[in-house]
Amino acid sequence: MEYIYSAMILHSAGKEITEDAVSKILTAAGVKPDTARVKALTASLEGVDIAEAMKTAVAAPAAAPAAAAGAPAAADKKKEEPEEPKVSEEEAAAGLGALFG
């Protein structure tokens, strides 16, 4: 995550996201930068509009609760199965009496 955060810091500061800049931020944070990971990060961010990606990422979690809200409706459909006939207390007591008598 610290590699992504370093890119976000550079973006927020209006700086270009380069291998050297990412490595310097990681070093300043006390992380020994992995050259391969730094290269992979900078290569994957080439041509990406980070501001747009961040807007999309922020909007995505808002849609998740709406999908979860639909789940109880499906559960309610299962409950619509025919119920067993209700027995009054007197009928239940009479049935219990038959066990002992």
PDB file of N, CA and C in Angstrom:
ATOM      1  N   MET A   1       0.818  -1.193   0.000  1.00  0.00           N
ATOM      2  CA  MET A   1       0.000   0.000   0.000  1.00  0.00           C
ATOM      3  C   MET A   1       0.861   1.256   0.000  1.00  0.00           C
ATOM      4  N   GLU A   2       2.013   1.170   0.626  1.00  0.00           N
ATOM      5  CA  GLU A   2       2.837   2.375   0.706  1.00  0.00           C
ATOM      6  C   GLU A   2       3.282   2.860  -0.671  1.00  0.00           C
ATOM      7  N   TYR A   3       3.360   1.957  -1.638  1.00  0.00           N
ATOM      8  CA  TYR A   3       3.732   2.358  -2.996  1.00  0.00           C
ATOM      9  C   TYR A   3       2.604   3.192  -3.616  1.00  0.00           C
ATOM     10  N   ILE A   4       1.387   2.759  -3.414  1.00  0.00           N
ATOM     11  CA  ILE A   4       0.223   3.497  -3.925  1.00  0.00           C
ATOM     12  C   ILE A   4       0.113   4.846  -3.219  1.00  0.00           C
ATOM     13  N   TYR A   5       0.315   4.830  -1.909  1.00  0.00           N
ATOM     14  CA  TYR A   5       0.241   6.077  -1.157  1.00  0.00           C
ATOM     15  C   TYR A   5       1.292   7.075  -1.629  1.00  0.00           C
ATOM     16  N   SER A   6       2.466   6.590  -1.949  1.00  0.00           N
ATOM     17  CA  SER A   6       3.507   7.508  -2.425  1.00  0.00           C
ATOM     18  C   SER A   6       3.079   8.155  -3.740  1.00  0.00           C
ATOM     19  N   ALA A   7       2.437   7.389  -4.609  1.00  0.00           N
ATOM     20  CA  ALA A   7       1.939   7.956  -5.867  1.00  0.00           C
ATOM     21  C   ALA A   7       0.829   8.967  -5.600  1.00  0.00           C
ATOM     22  N   MET A   8      -0.019   8.680  -4.634  1.00  0.00           N
ATOM     23  CA  MET A   8      -1.095   9.623  -4.299  1.00  0.00           C
ATOM     24  C   MET A   8      -0.546  10.920  -3.717  1.00  0.00           C
ATOM     25  N   ILE A   9       0.506  10.812  -2.915  1.00  0.00           N
ATOM     26  CA  ILE A   9       1.142  12.012  -2.358  1.00  0.00           C
ATOM     27  C   ILE A   9       1.717  12.867  -3.484  1.00  0.00           C
ATOM     28  N   LEU A  10       2.410  12.222  -4.409  1.00  0.00           N
ATOM     29  CA  LEU A  10       2.972  12.962  -5.540  1.00  0.00           C
ATOM     30  C   LEU A  10       1.869  13.613  -6.359  1.00  0.00           C
ATOM     31  N   HIS A  11       0.799  12.904  -6.588  1.00  0.00           N
ATOM     32  CA  HIS A  11      -0.326  13.460  -7.350  1.00  0.00           C
ATOM     33  C   HIS A  11      -0.924  14.663  -6.619  1.00  0.00           C
ATOM     34  N   SER A  12      -1.138  14.529  -5.314  1.00  0.00           N
ATOM     35  CA  SER A  12      -1.710  15.620  -4.523  1.00  0.00           C
ATOM     36  C   SER A  12      -0.819  16.854  -4.527  1.00  0.00           C
ATOM     37  N   ALA A  13       0.490  16.634  -4.565  1.00  0.00           N
ATOM     38  CA  ALA A  13       1.439  17.744  -4.579  1.00  0.00           C
ATOM     39  C   ALA A  13       1.623  18.324  -5.981  1.00  0.00           C
ATOM     40  N   GLY A  14       0.998  17.712  -6.974  1.00  0.00           N
ATOM     41  CA  GLY A  14       1.121  18.201  -8.337  1.00  0.00           C
ATOM     42  C   GLY A  14       2.455  17.841  -8.983  1.00  0.00           C
ATOM     43  N   LYS A  15       3.101  16.831  -8.439  1.00  0.00           N
ATOM     44  CA  LYS A  15       4.405  16.402  -8.961  1.00  0.00           C
ATOM     45  C   LYS A  15       4.221  15.235  -9.915  1.00  0.00           C
ATOM     46  N   GLU A  16       5.206  15.052 -10.779  1.00  0.00           N
ATOM     47  CA  GLU A  16       5.192  13.924 -11.703  1.00  0.00           C
ATOM     48  C   GLU A  16       5.531  12.635 -10.941  1.00  0.00           C
ATOM     49  N   ILE A  17       4.826  11.573 -11.269  1.00  0.00           N
ATOM     50  CA  ILE A  17       5.051  10.291 -10.601  1.00  0.00           C
ATOM     51  C   ILE A  17       6.129   9.547 -11.373  1.00  0.00           C
ATOM     52  N   THR A  18       7.346   9.632 -10.847  1.00  0.00           N
ATOM     53  CA  THR A  18       8.490   8.966 -11.471  1.00  0.00           C
ATOM     54  C   THR A  18       9.061   7.939 -10.504  1.00  0.00           C
ATOM     55  N   GLU A  19       9.889   7.058 -11.040  1.00  0.00           N
ATOM     56  CA  GLU A  19      10.518   6.038 -10.194  1.00  0.00           C
ATOM     57  C   GLU A  19      11.350   6.693  -9.100  1.00  0.00           C
ATOM     58  N   ASP A  20      12.083   7.727  -9.456  1.00  0.00           N
ATOM     59  CA  ASP A  20      12.944   8.416  -8.497  1.00  0.00           C
ATOM     60  C   ASP A  20      12.111   9.071  -7.392  1.00  0.00           C
ATOM     61  N   ALA A  21      11.018   9.726  -7.780  1.00  0.00           N
ATOM     62  CA  ALA A  21      10.184  10.418  -6.793  1.00  0.00           C
ATOM     63  C   ALA A  21       9.525   9.427  -5.835  1.00  0.00           C
ATOM     64  N   VAL A  22       9.011   8.319  -6.373  1.00  0.00           N
ATOM     65  CA  VAL A  22       8.374   7.301  -5.527  1.00  0.00           C
ATOM     66  C   VAL A  22       9.406   6.711  -4.567  1.00  0.00           C
ATOM     67  N   SER A  23      10.593   6.422  -5.067  1.00  0.00           N
ATOM     68  CA  SER A  23      11.654   5.860  -4.226  1.00  0.00           C
ATOM     69  C   SER A  23      12.041   6.815  -3.108  1.00  0.00           C
ATOM     70  N   LYS A  24      12.105   8.104  -3.411  1.00  0.00           N
ATOM     71  CA  LYS A  24      12.467   9.096  -2.379  1.00  0.00           C
ATOM     72  C   LYS A  24      11.403   9.163  -1.288  1.00  0.00           C
ATOM     73  N   ILE A  25      10.154   9.117  -1.665  1.00  0.00           N
ATOM     74  CA  ILE A  25       9.079   9.163  -0.659  1.00  0.00           C
ATOM     75  C   ILE A  25       9.125   7.918   0.214  1.00  0.00           C
ATOM     76  N   LEU A  26       9.304   6.769  -0.395  1.00  0.00           N
ATOM     77  CA  LEU A  26       9.371   5.527   0.372  1.00  0.00           C
ATOM     78  C   LEU A  26      10.551   5.544   1.335  1.00  0.00           C
ATOM     79  N   THR A  27      11.706   6.020   0.861  1.00  0.00           N
ATOM     80  CA  THR A  27      12.894   6.094   1.708  1.00  0.00           C
ATOM     81  C   THR A  27      12.649   7.050   2.873  1.00  0.00           C
ATOM     82  N   ALA A  28      12.015   8.185   2.590  1.00  0.00           N
ATOM     83  CA  ALA A  28      11.719   9.160   3.647  1.00  0.00           C
ATOM     84  C   ALA A  28      10.765   8.579   4.687  1.00  0.00           C
ATOM     85  N   ALA A  29       9.923   7.634   4.259  1.00  0.00           N
ATOM     86  CA  ALA A  29       8.981   7.005   5.184  1.00  0.00           C
ATOM     87  C   ALA A  29       9.592   5.822   5.928  1.00  0.00           C
ATOM     88  N   GLY A  30      10.844   5.522   5.610  1.00  0.00           N
ATOM     89  CA  GLY A  30      11.515   4.427   6.295  1.00  0.00           C
ATOM     90  C   GLY A  30      11.295   3.080   5.640  1.00  0.00           C
ATOM     91  N   VAL A  31      10.849   3.076   4.387  1.00  0.00           N
ATOM     92  CA  VAL A  31      10.612   1.834   3.656  1.00  0.00           C
ATOM     93  C   VAL A  31      11.719   1.671   2.624  1.00  0.00           C
ATOM     94  N   LYS A  32      12.296   0.471   2.578  1.00  0.00           N
ATOM     95  CA  LYS A  32      13.313   0.212   1.560  1.00  0.00           C
ATOM     96  C   LYS A  32      12.597  -0.092   0.252  1.00  0.00           C
ATOM     97  N   PRO A  33      12.727   0.801  -0.750  1.00  0.00           N
ATOM     98  CA  PRO A  33      11.983   0.599  -1.996  1.00  0.00           C
ATOM     99  C   PRO A  33      12.466  -0.612  -2.786  1.00  0.00           C
ATOM    100  N   ASP A  34      11.526  -1.368  -3.296  1.00  0.00           N
ATOM    101  CA  ASP A  34      11.797  -2.497  -4.182  1.00  0.00           C
ATOM    102  C   ASP A  34      11.741  -1.940  -5.601  1.00  0.00           C
ATOM    103  N   THR A  35      12.876  -1.951  -6.284  1.00  0.00           N
ATOM    104  CA  THR A  35      12.991  -1.343  -7.610  1.00  0.00           C
ATOM    105  C   THR A  35      11.962  -1.905  -8.582  1.00  0.00           C
ATOM    106  N   ALA A  36      11.739  -3.194  -8.550  1.00  0.00           N
ATOM    107  CA  ALA A  36      10.782  -3.820  -9.472  1.00  0.00           C
ATOM    108  C   ALA A  36       9.361  -3.320  -9.207  1.00  0.00           C
ATOM    109  N   ARG A  37       9.003  -3.198  -7.959  1.00  0.00           N
ATOM    110  CA  ARG A  37       7.661  -2.718  -7.606  1.00  0.00           C
ATOM    111  C   ARG A  37       7.490  -1.257  -7.979  1.00  0.00           C
ATOM    112  N   VAL A  38       8.533  -0.462  -7.790  1.00  0.00           N
ATOM    113  CA  VAL A  38       8.464   0.952  -8.154  1.00  0.00           C
ATOM    114  C   VAL A  38       8.288   1.079  -9.672  1.00  0.00           C
ATOM    115  N   LYS A  39       9.035   0.302 -10.442  1.00  0.00           N
ATOM    116  CA  LYS A  39       8.914   0.333 -11.905  1.00  0.00           C
ATOM    117  C   LYS A  39       7.522  -0.121 -12.334  1.00  0.00           C
ATOM    118  N   ALA A  40       7.014  -1.167 -11.718  1.00  0.00           N
ATOM    119  CA  ALA A  40       5.691  -1.670 -12.061  1.00  0.00           C
ATOM    120  C   ALA A  40       4.615  -0.619 -11.765  1.00  0.00           C
ATOM    121  N   LEU A  41       4.756   0.069 -10.639  1.00  0.00           N
ATOM    122  CA  LEU A  41       3.788   1.098 -10.269  1.00  0.00           C
ATOM    123  C   LEU A  41       3.792   2.237 -11.277  1.00  0.00           C
ATOM    124  N   THR A  42       4.967   2.760 -11.563  1.00  0.00           N
ATOM    125  CA  THR A  42       5.035   3.897 -12.481  1.00  0.00           C
ATOM    126  C   THR A  42       4.573   3.494 -13.883  1.00  0.00           C
ATOM    127  N   ALA A  43       4.884   2.280 -14.303  1.00  0.00           N
ATOM    128  CA  ALA A  43       4.448   1.818 -15.620  1.00  0.00           C
ATOM    129  C   ALA A  43       2.930   1.661 -15.671  1.00  0.00           C
ATOM    130  N   SER A  44       2.339   1.168 -14.595  1.00  0.00           N
ATOM    131  CA  SER A  44       0.890   0.957 -14.587  1.00  0.00           C
ATOM    132  C   SER A  44       0.121   2.272 -14.491  1.00  0.00           C
ATOM    133  N   LEU A  45       0.757   3.316 -13.992  1.00  0.00           N
ATOM    134  CA  LEU A  45       0.078   4.607 -13.868  1.00  0.00           C
ATOM    135  C   LEU A  45       0.265   5.502 -15.091  1.00  0.00           C
ATOM    136  N   GLU A  46       1.073   5.067 -16.045  1.00  0.00           N
ATOM    137  CA  GLU A  46       1.286   5.852 -17.257  1.00  0.00           C
ATOM    138  C   GLU A  46      -0.020   6.004 -18.008  1.00  0.00           C
ATOM    139  N   GLY A  47      -0.394   7.235 -18.287  1.00  0.00           N
ATOM    140  CA  GLY A  47      -1.604   7.505 -19.049  1.00  0.00           C
ATOM    141  C   GLY A  47      -2.889   7.400 -18.243  1.00  0.00           C
ATOM    142  N   VAL A  48      -2.805   7.180 -16.957  1.00  0.00           N
ATOM    143  CA  VAL A  48      -3.993   7.065 -16.110  1.00  0.00           C
ATOM    144  C   VAL A  48      -4.329   8.436 -15.537  1.00  0.00           C
ATOM    145  N   ASP A  49      -5.600   8.816 -15.617  1.00  0.00           N
ATOM    146  CA  ASP A  49      -6.064  10.050 -15.002  1.00  0.00           C
ATOM    147  C   ASP A  49      -6.378   9.729 -13.539  1.00  0.00           C
ATOM    148  N   ILE A  50      -5.448  10.040 -12.669  1.00  0.00           N
ATOM    149  CA  ILE A  50      -5.578   9.645 -11.260  1.00  0.00           C
ATOM    150  C   ILE A  50      -6.768  10.330 -10.599  1.00  0.00           C
ATOM    151  N   ALA A  51      -7.006  11.588 -10.935  1.00  0.00           N
ATOM    152  CA  ALA A  51      -8.141  12.302 -10.341  1.00  0.00           C
ATOM    153  C   ALA A  51      -9.455  11.599 -10.692  1.00  0.00           C
ATOM    154  N   GLU A  52      -9.596  11.185 -11.933  1.00  0.00           N
ATOM    155  CA  GLU A  52     -10.807  10.477 -12.356  1.00  0.00           C
ATOM    156  C   GLU A  52     -10.907   9.116 -11.684  1.00  0.00           C
ATOM    157  N   ALA A  53      -9.787   8.430 -11.564  1.00  0.00           N
ATOM    158  CA  ALA A  53      -9.778   7.118 -10.907  1.00  0.00           C
ATOM    159  C   ALA A  53     -10.180   7.244  -9.436  1.00  0.00           C
ATOM    160  N   MET A  54      -9.754   8.305  -8.791  1.00  0.00           N
ATOM    161  CA  MET A  54     -10.110   8.503  -7.385  1.00  0.00           C
ATOM    162  C   MET A  54     -11.597   8.822  -7.243  1.00  0.00           C
ATOM    163  N   LYS A  55     -12.159   9.595  -8.170  1.00  0.00           N
ATOM    164  CA  LYS A  55     -13.599   9.887  -8.124  1.00  0.00           C
ATOM    165  C   LYS A  55     -14.402   8.603  -8.291  1.00  0.00           C
ATOM    166  N   THR A  56     -13.978   7.762  -9.216  1.00  0.00           N
ATOM    167  CA  THR A  56     -14.666   6.499  -9.466  1.00  0.00           C
ATOM    168  C   THR A  56     -14.556   5.582  -8.256  1.00  0.00           C
ATOM    169  N   ALA A  57     -13.392   5.547  -7.627  1.00  0.00           N
ATOM    170  CA  ALA A  57     -13.180   4.684  -6.461  1.00  0.00           C
ATOM    171  C   ALA A  57     -14.022   5.142  -5.291  1.00  0.00           C
ATOM    172  N   VAL A  58     -14.225   6.431  -5.143  1.00  0.00           N
ATOM    173  CA  VAL A  58     -15.029   6.956  -4.042  1.00  0.00           C
ATOM    174  C   VAL A  58     -16.499   6.664  -4.282  1.00  0.00           C
ATOM    175  N   ALA A  59     -16.938   6.690  -5.531  1.00  0.00           N
ATOM    176  CA  ALA A  59     -18.345   6.455  -5.846  1.00  0.00           C
ATOM    177  C   ALA A  59     -18.716   4.984  -5.756  1.00  0.00           C
ATOM    178  N   ALA A  60     -17.789   4.085  -5.954  1.00  0.00           N
ATOM    179  CA  ALA A  60     -18.085   2.656  -5.974  1.00  0.00           C
ATOM    180  C   ALA A  60     -18.642   2.126  -4.649  1.00  0.00           C
ATOM    181  N   PRO A  61     -18.087   2.475  -3.483  1.00  0.00           N
ATOM    182  CA  PRO A  61     -18.646   1.924  -2.243  1.00  0.00           C
ATOM    183  C   PRO A  61     -20.081   2.359  -1.975  1.00  0.00           C
ATOM    184  N   ALA A  62     -20.514   3.495  -2.521  1.00  0.00           N
ATOM    185  CA  ALA A  62     -21.882   3.945  -2.293  1.00  0.00           C
ATOM    186  C   ALA A  62     -22.884   3.004  -2.940  1.00  0.00           C
ATOM    187  N   ALA A  63     -22.504   2.339  -3.998  1.00  0.00           N
ATOM    188  CA  ALA A  63     -23.414   1.427  -4.680  1.00  0.00           C
ATOM    189  C   ALA A  63     -23.529   0.091  -3.962  1.00  0.00           C
ATOM    190  N   ALA A  64     -22.562  -0.300  -3.200  1.00  0.00           N
ATOM    191  CA  ALA A  64     -22.571  -1.602  -2.538  1.00  0.00           C
ATOM    192  C   ALA A  64     -23.718  -1.753  -1.538  1.00  0.00           C
ATOM    193  N   PRO A  65     -24.007  -0.779  -0.663  1.00  0.00           N
ATOM    194  CA  PRO A  65     -25.117  -0.970   0.269  1.00  0.00           C
ATOM    195  C   PRO A  65     -26.464  -1.130  -0.425  1.00  0.00           C
ATOM    196  N   ALA A  66     -26.650  -0.509  -1.567  1.00  0.00           N
ATOM    197  CA  ALA A  66     -27.916  -0.649  -2.280  1.00  0.00           C
ATOM    198  C   ALA A  66     -28.126  -2.094  -2.711  1.00  0.00           C
ATOM    199  N   ALA A  67     -27.072  -2.745  -3.147  1.00  0.00           N
ATOM    200  CA  ALA A  67     -27.181  -4.144  -3.542  1.00  0.00           C
ATOM    201  C   ALA A  67     -27.480  -5.019  -2.331  1.00  0.00           C
ATOM    202  N   ALA A  68     -26.889  -4.691  -1.216  1.00  0.00           N
ATOM    203  CA  ALA A  68     -27.126  -5.463   0.004  1.00  0.00           C
ATOM    204  C   ALA A  68     -28.551  -5.260   0.499  1.00  0.00           C
ATOM    205  N   ALA A  69     -29.122  -4.110   0.245  1.00  0.00           N
ATOM    206  CA  ALA A  69     -30.480  -3.848   0.691  1.00  0.00           C
ATOM    207  C   ALA A  69     -31.481  -4.756  -0.026  1.00  0.00           C
ATOM    208  N   GLY A  70     -31.151  -5.218  -1.210  1.00  0.00           N
ATOM    209  CA  GLY A  70     -32.037  -6.106  -1.953  1.00  0.00           C
ATOM    210  C   GLY A  70     -32.073  -7.512  -1.390  1.00  0.00           C
ATOM    211  N   ALA A  71     -31.111  -7.891  -0.616  1.00  0.00           N
ATOM    212  CA  ALA A  71     -31.040  -9.246  -0.086  1.00  0.00           C
ATOM    213  C   ALA A  71     -32.217  -9.596   0.827  1.00  0.00           C
ATOM    214  N   PRO A  72     -32.653  -8.715   1.738  1.00  0.00           N
ATOM    215  CA  PRO A  72     -33.793  -9.082   2.583  1.00  0.00           C
ATOM    216  C   PRO A  72     -35.064  -9.343   1.785  1.00  0.00           C
ATOM    217  N   ALA A  73     -35.221  -8.683   0.653  1.00  0.00           N
ATOM    218  CA  ALA A  73     -36.408  -8.922  -0.166  1.00  0.00           C
ATOM    219  C   ALA A  73     -36.434 -10.371  -0.643  1.00  0.00           C
ATOM    220  N   ALA A  74     -35.296 -10.894  -1.006  1.00  0.00           N
ATOM    221  CA  ALA A  74     -35.223 -12.288  -1.419  1.00  0.00           C
ATOM    222  C   ALA A  74     -35.540 -13.211  -0.246  1.00  0.00           C
ATOM    223  N   ALA A  75     -35.111 -12.840   0.928  1.00  0.00           N
ATOM    224  CA  ALA A  75     -35.380 -13.649   2.112  1.00  0.00           C
ATOM    225  C   ALA A  75     -36.872 -13.633   2.440  1.00  0.00           C
ATOM    226  N   ASP A  76     -37.538 -12.500   2.203  1.00  0.00           N
ATOM    227  CA  ASP A  76     -38.971 -12.406   2.473  1.00  0.00           C
ATOM    228  C   ASP A  76     -39.760 -13.346   1.568  1.00  0.00           C
ATOM    229  N   LYS A  77     -39.316 -13.551   0.346  1.00  0.00           N
ATOM    230  CA  LYS A  77     -40.013 -14.435  -0.574  1.00  0.00           C
ATOM    231  C   LYS A  77     -39.999 -15.867  -0.062  1.00  0.00           C
ATOM    232  N   LYS A  78     -38.927 -16.261   0.589  1.00  0.00           N
ATOM    233  CA  LYS A  78     -38.858 -17.608   1.141  1.00  0.00           C
ATOM    234  C   LYS A  78     -39.866 -17.773   2.276  1.00  0.00           C
ATOM    235  N   LYS A  79     -40.117 -16.704   3.010  1.00  0.00           N
ATOM    236  CA  LYS A  79     -41.023 -16.773   4.154  1.00  0.00           C
ATOM    237  C   LYS A  79     -42.479 -16.919   3.719  1.00  0.00           C
ATOM    238  N   GLU A  80     -42.792 -16.687   2.466  1.00  0.00           N
ATOM    239  CA  GLU A  80     -44.164 -16.750   1.988  1.00  0.00           C
ATOM    240  C   GLU A  80     -44.645 -18.177   1.752  1.00  0.00           C
ATOM    241  N   GLU A  81     -43.907 -19.162   2.188  1.00  0.00           N
ATOM    242  CA  GLU A  81     -44.331 -20.547   2.061  1.00  0.00           C
ATOM    243  C   GLU A  81     -45.557 -20.766   2.932  1.00  0.00           C
ATOM    244  N   PRO A  82     -46.387 -21.734   2.586  1.00  0.00           N
ATOM    245  CA  PRO A  82     -47.593 -21.975   3.389  1.00  0.00           C
ATOM    246  C   PRO A  82     -47.222 -22.327   4.829  1.00  0.00           C
ATOM    247  N   GLU A  83     -47.923 -21.679   5.741  1.00  0.00           N
ATOM    248  CA  GLU A  83     -47.661 -21.917   7.158  1.00  0.00           C
ATOM    249  C   GLU A  83     -48.483 -23.108   7.641  1.00  0.00           C
ATOM    250  N   GLU A  84     -48.007 -23.722   8.698  1.00  0.00           N
ATOM    251  CA  GLU A  84     -48.759 -24.818   9.304  1.00  0.00           C
ATOM    252  C   GLU A  84     -49.981 -24.227   9.984  1.00  0.00           C
ATOM    253  N   PRO A  85     -51.051 -24.980  10.038  1.00  0.00           N
ATOM    254  CA  PRO A  85     -52.255 -24.447  10.693  1.00  0.00           C
ATOM    255  C   PRO A  85     -51.977 -24.188  12.173  1.00  0.00           C
ATOM    256  N   LYS A  86     -52.501 -23.069  12.648  1.00  0.00           N
ATOM    257  CA  LYS A  86     -52.285 -22.716  14.053  1.00  0.00           C
ATOM    258  C   LYS A  86     -53.228 -23.517  14.938  1.00  0.00           C
ATOM    259  N   VAL A  87     -52.683 -23.948  16.042  1.00  0.00           N
ATOM    260  CA  VAL A  87     -53.449 -24.758  16.994  1.00  0.00           C
ATOM    261  C   VAL A  87     -53.640 -23.924  18.250  1.00  0.00           C
ATOM    262  N   SER A  88     -54.862 -23.891  18.767  1.00  0.00           N
ATOM    263  CA  SER A  88     -55.131 -23.131  19.990  1.00  0.00           C
ATOM    264  C   SER A  88     -54.488 -23.837  21.179  1.00  0.00           C
ATOM    265  N   GLU A  89     -54.372 -23.107  22.265  1.00  0.00           N
ATOM    266  CA  GLU A  89     -53.772 -23.687  23.472  1.00  0.00           C
ATOM    267  C   GLU A  89     -54.586 -24.887  23.974  1.00  0.00           C
ATOM    268  N   GLU A  90     -55.909 -24.798  23.869  1.00  0.00           N
ATOM    269  CA  GLU A  90     -56.757 -25.893  24.341  1.00  0.00           C
ATOM    270  C   GLU A  90     -56.529 -27.151  23.508  1.00  0.00           C
ATOM    271  N   GLU A  91     -56.400 -26.975  22.196  1.00  0.00           N
ATOM    272  CA  GLU A  91     -56.167 -28.121  21.334  1.00  0.00           C
ATOM    273  C   GLU A  91     -54.801 -28.735  21.609  1.00  0.00           C
ATOM    274  N   ALA A  92     -53.816 -27.871  21.876  1.00  0.00           N
ATOM    275  CA  ALA A  92     -52.484 -28.363  22.169  1.00  0.00           C
ATOM    276  C   ALA A  92     -52.483 -29.122  23.509  1.00  0.00           C
ATOM    277  N   ALA A  93     -53.205 -28.599  24.495  1.00  0.00           N
ATOM    278  CA  ALA A  93     -53.269 -29.268  25.787  1.00  0.00           C
ATOM    279  C   ALA A  93     -53.977 -30.622  25.652  1.00  0.00           C
ATOM    280  N   ALA A  94     -55.017 -30.659  24.823  1.00  0.00           N
ATOM    281  CA  ALA A  94     -55.740 -31.926  24.638  1.00  0.00           C
ATOM    282  C   ALA A  94     -54.840 -32.949  23.965  1.00  0.00           C
ATOM    283  N   GLY A  95     -54.011 -32.486  23.060  1.00  0.00           N
ATOM    284  CA  GLY A  95     -53.080 -33.386  22.392  1.00  0.00           C
ATOM    285  C   GLY A  95     -52.045 -33.914  23.364  1.00  0.00           C
ATOM    286  N   LEU A  96     -51.568 -33.100  24.278  1.00  0.00           N
ATOM    287  CA  LEU A  96     -50.598 -33.535  25.278  1.00  0.00           C
ATOM    288  C   LEU A  96     -51.224 -34.531  26.239  1.00  0.00           C
ATOM    289  N   GLY A  97     -52.512 -34.328  26.570  1.00  0.00           N
ATOM    290  CA  GLY A  97     -53.214 -35.238  27.466  1.00  0.00           C
ATOM    291  C   GLY A  97     -53.276 -36.648  26.869  1.00  0.00           C
ATOM    292  N   ALA A  98     -53.369 -36.735  25.557  1.00  0.00           N
ATOM    293  CA  ALA A  98     -53.449 -38.032  24.907  1.00  0.00           C
ATOM    294  C   ALA A  98     -52.149 -38.813  25.084  1.00  0.00           C
ATOM    295  N   LEU A  99     -51.035 -38.109  25.293  1.00  0.00           N
ATOM    296  CA  LEU A  99     -49.758 -38.770  25.495  1.00  0.00           C
ATOM    297  C   LEU A  99     -49.746 -39.549  26.816  1.00  0.00           C
ATOM    298  N   PHE A 100     -50.463 -39.030  27.816  1.00  0.00           N
ATOM    299  CA  PHE A 100     -50.394 -39.630  29.142  1.00  0.00           C
ATOM    300  C   PHE A 100     -51.640 -40.456  29.493  1.00  0.00           C
ATOM    301  N   GLY A 101     -52.551 -40.470  28.651  1.00  0.00           N
ATOM    302  CA  GLY A 101     -53.741 -41.050  29.117  1.00  0.00           C
ATOM    303  C   GLY A 101     -54.441 -42.083  28.459  1.00  0.00           C
TER     304      GLY A 101
END
